Protein backbone atom coordinates (compact mmCIF):
# COMPACT_ATOMS: atom_id res chain seq x y z
CA MET A 1 -5.30 16.17 -1.85
CA SER A 2 -4.65 12.75 0.10
CA SER A 3 -6.77 9.73 0.83
CA SER A 4 -6.63 8.93 5.12
CA ILE A 5 -7.93 6.15 7.20
CA TRP A 6 -7.88 5.20 11.06
CA ILE A 7 -7.60 1.73 11.97
CA HIS A 8 -7.95 0.25 15.10
CA ALA A 9 -4.68 -1.61 14.98
CA ALA A 10 -0.79 -0.84 16.44
CA ILE A 11 1.81 1.02 14.60
CA GLU A 12 3.58 -2.24 13.96
CA ASN A 13 1.40 -4.46 12.45
CA VAL A 14 -0.11 -1.35 10.09
CA TRP A 15 3.54 -1.17 9.02
CA GLN A 16 3.98 -4.40 8.17
CA ALA A 17 0.78 -4.34 6.01
CA ILE A 18 2.06 -1.72 3.89
CA THR A 19 5.71 -2.95 3.82
CA GLU A 20 5.28 -6.72 3.31
CA GLU A 21 4.85 -8.45 -0.11
CA GLN A 22 2.34 -11.29 1.18
CA SER A 23 0.29 -8.58 3.32
CA LEU A 24 0.16 -5.94 0.04
CA SER A 25 -0.79 -8.72 -2.08
CA GLN A 26 -4.13 -8.52 0.12
CA TRP A 27 -5.23 -5.27 0.27
CA TYR A 28 -3.70 -3.41 -2.32
CA ALA A 29 -5.39 -4.05 -5.15
CA PRO A 30 -6.01 -7.60 -4.34
CA GLY A 31 -4.79 -10.62 -6.53
CA SER A 32 -1.80 -8.50 -7.62
CA THR A 33 1.88 -8.93 -6.81
CA TRP A 34 4.80 -7.41 -5.08
CA ASP A 35 8.26 -8.48 -5.07
CA ILE A 36 10.70 -6.36 -3.17
CA SER A 37 13.62 -7.91 -2.65
CA LYS A 38 15.32 -5.43 0.10
CA LEU A 39 13.18 -2.62 1.79
CA ALA A 40 15.40 0.10 1.73
CA GLU A 41 16.03 3.56 -0.18
CA GLY A 42 16.77 3.12 -3.67
CA GLU A 43 16.23 -0.30 -4.11
CA MET A 44 13.79 -1.60 -6.80
CA MET A 45 10.73 -3.79 -6.29
CA ILE A 46 8.31 -5.00 -8.77
CA PHE A 47 4.50 -4.44 -8.64
CA THR A 48 2.89 -7.12 -11.14
CA LEU A 49 -1.06 -5.40 -11.73
CA MET A 50 -3.42 -8.21 -12.29
CA PRO A 51 -6.92 -7.46 -14.37
CA ASN A 52 -9.30 -6.57 -12.23
CA ASP A 53 -13.27 -4.92 -12.37
CA HIS A 54 -11.34 -1.79 -11.69
CA ASN A 55 -9.14 -1.81 -14.65
CA GLN A 56 -9.20 -2.10 -18.30
CA LEU A 57 -6.34 -4.40 -18.68
CA ALA A 58 -6.08 -7.77 -20.44
CA ASP A 59 -2.97 -9.37 -19.63
CA PRO A 60 -0.84 -8.52 -15.94
CA LEU A 61 0.90 -5.44 -16.14
CA PRO A 62 4.70 -5.68 -14.09
CA MET A 63 6.18 -1.81 -13.07
CA GLN A 64 9.25 -1.42 -11.75
CA LEU A 65 9.20 0.42 -8.61
CA THR A 66 11.84 2.63 -7.08
CA ILE A 67 11.57 2.80 -3.36
CA GLN A 68 12.35 6.81 -2.28
CA GLN A 69 12.00 6.51 1.62
CA VAL A 70 11.83 3.90 4.38
CA GLN A 71 11.11 5.31 8.05
CA LYS A 72 10.06 2.48 10.08
CA HIS A 73 6.65 3.08 11.71
CA GLU A 74 6.39 6.61 9.88
CA ILE A 75 6.74 6.65 5.93
CA PHE A 76 7.19 4.48 2.98
CA SER A 77 7.32 6.13 -0.77
CA PHE A 78 8.11 4.84 -3.83
CA TYR A 79 7.54 5.49 -7.34
CA LEU A 80 7.22 4.35 -11.15
CA GLU A 81 9.99 6.25 -13.34
CA VAL A 82 9.86 9.65 -12.25
CA PRO A 83 10.31 10.83 -8.78
CA GLU A 84 7.49 13.49 -9.07
CA THR A 85 5.05 10.72 -9.19
CA VAL A 86 5.77 9.80 -5.46
CA ILE A 87 3.28 7.59 -3.78
CA ALA A 88 3.50 8.07 0.23
CA MET A 89 1.97 6.16 2.66
CA SER A 90 2.70 7.65 5.95
CA LEU A 91 1.21 6.63 9.64
CA ALA A 92 0.78 8.18 12.63
CA GLU A 93 -0.75 6.87 16.30
CA GLN A 94 -3.95 8.18 17.14
CA ASP A 95 -6.69 7.14 19.55
CA ASN A 96 -5.60 3.66 20.64
CA GLY A 97 -4.93 3.21 16.66
CA THR A 98 -2.89 4.17 13.81
CA THR A 99 -4.01 6.82 10.94
CA VAL A 100 -2.59 5.72 7.36
CA SER A 101 -2.37 8.40 4.67
CA ILE A 102 -1.51 8.45 1.13
CA ASN A 103 -0.80 11.46 -0.47
CA MET A 104 -3.22 10.77 -3.37
CA GLN A 105 -6.74 10.92 -3.83
CA GLY A 106 -8.58 7.86 -5.11
CA TYR A 107 -7.07 4.93 -2.34
CA GLU A 108 -10.51 5.06 -0.53
CA VAL A 109 -10.82 1.10 -1.86
CA SER A 110 -7.53 0.12 -1.24
CA LEU A 111 -7.28 1.66 2.49
CA ALA A 112 -10.59 0.32 3.11
CA ASN A 113 -9.64 -3.20 2.63
CA LEU A 114 -6.38 -2.38 4.60
CA LYS A 115 -8.52 -1.46 7.39
CA ALA A 116 -10.21 -4.44 6.94
CA LEU A 117 -7.52 -6.73 7.11
CA LEU A 118 -5.96 -5.48 10.02
CA GLU A 119 -9.22 -5.31 12.31
CA GLY A 120 -10.12 -8.98 11.20
CA GLU A 121 -12.95 -8.24 8.85
CA ASP A 122 -13.92 -9.29 5.66
CA LEU A 123 -12.08 -7.09 2.36
CA PRO A 124 -14.87 -4.65 1.30
CA HIS A 125 -13.42 -4.78 -2.36
CA PRO A 126 -11.84 -8.14 -2.76
CA SER A 127 -11.16 -8.03 -6.66
């Protein structure tokens, strides 16, 4: 099962939003930070999950992620510790917009935020 959403935005803009630190920090667990030193397969990046309404954290939780795949305008995937737990974000141009799919369930809130960000709307789930 996966999560997906159609966004009225060019694939270039969607790609930027799913691969750049500042954009990721706005829609993927807003307020949590990303540190991506190099967008390339095998590189490490740090995602720091901040305490929010959707988790039980008392303190920020930094996670070291390994980038598995980077195919511009197609797929961005990474994993925490073991390659079996890959999170893959796939893009496809469709109906004058872009469909974004994540290979797991439970990303509807994040995808709704991504759609709002790219379409110039207020984030439906800002925290």
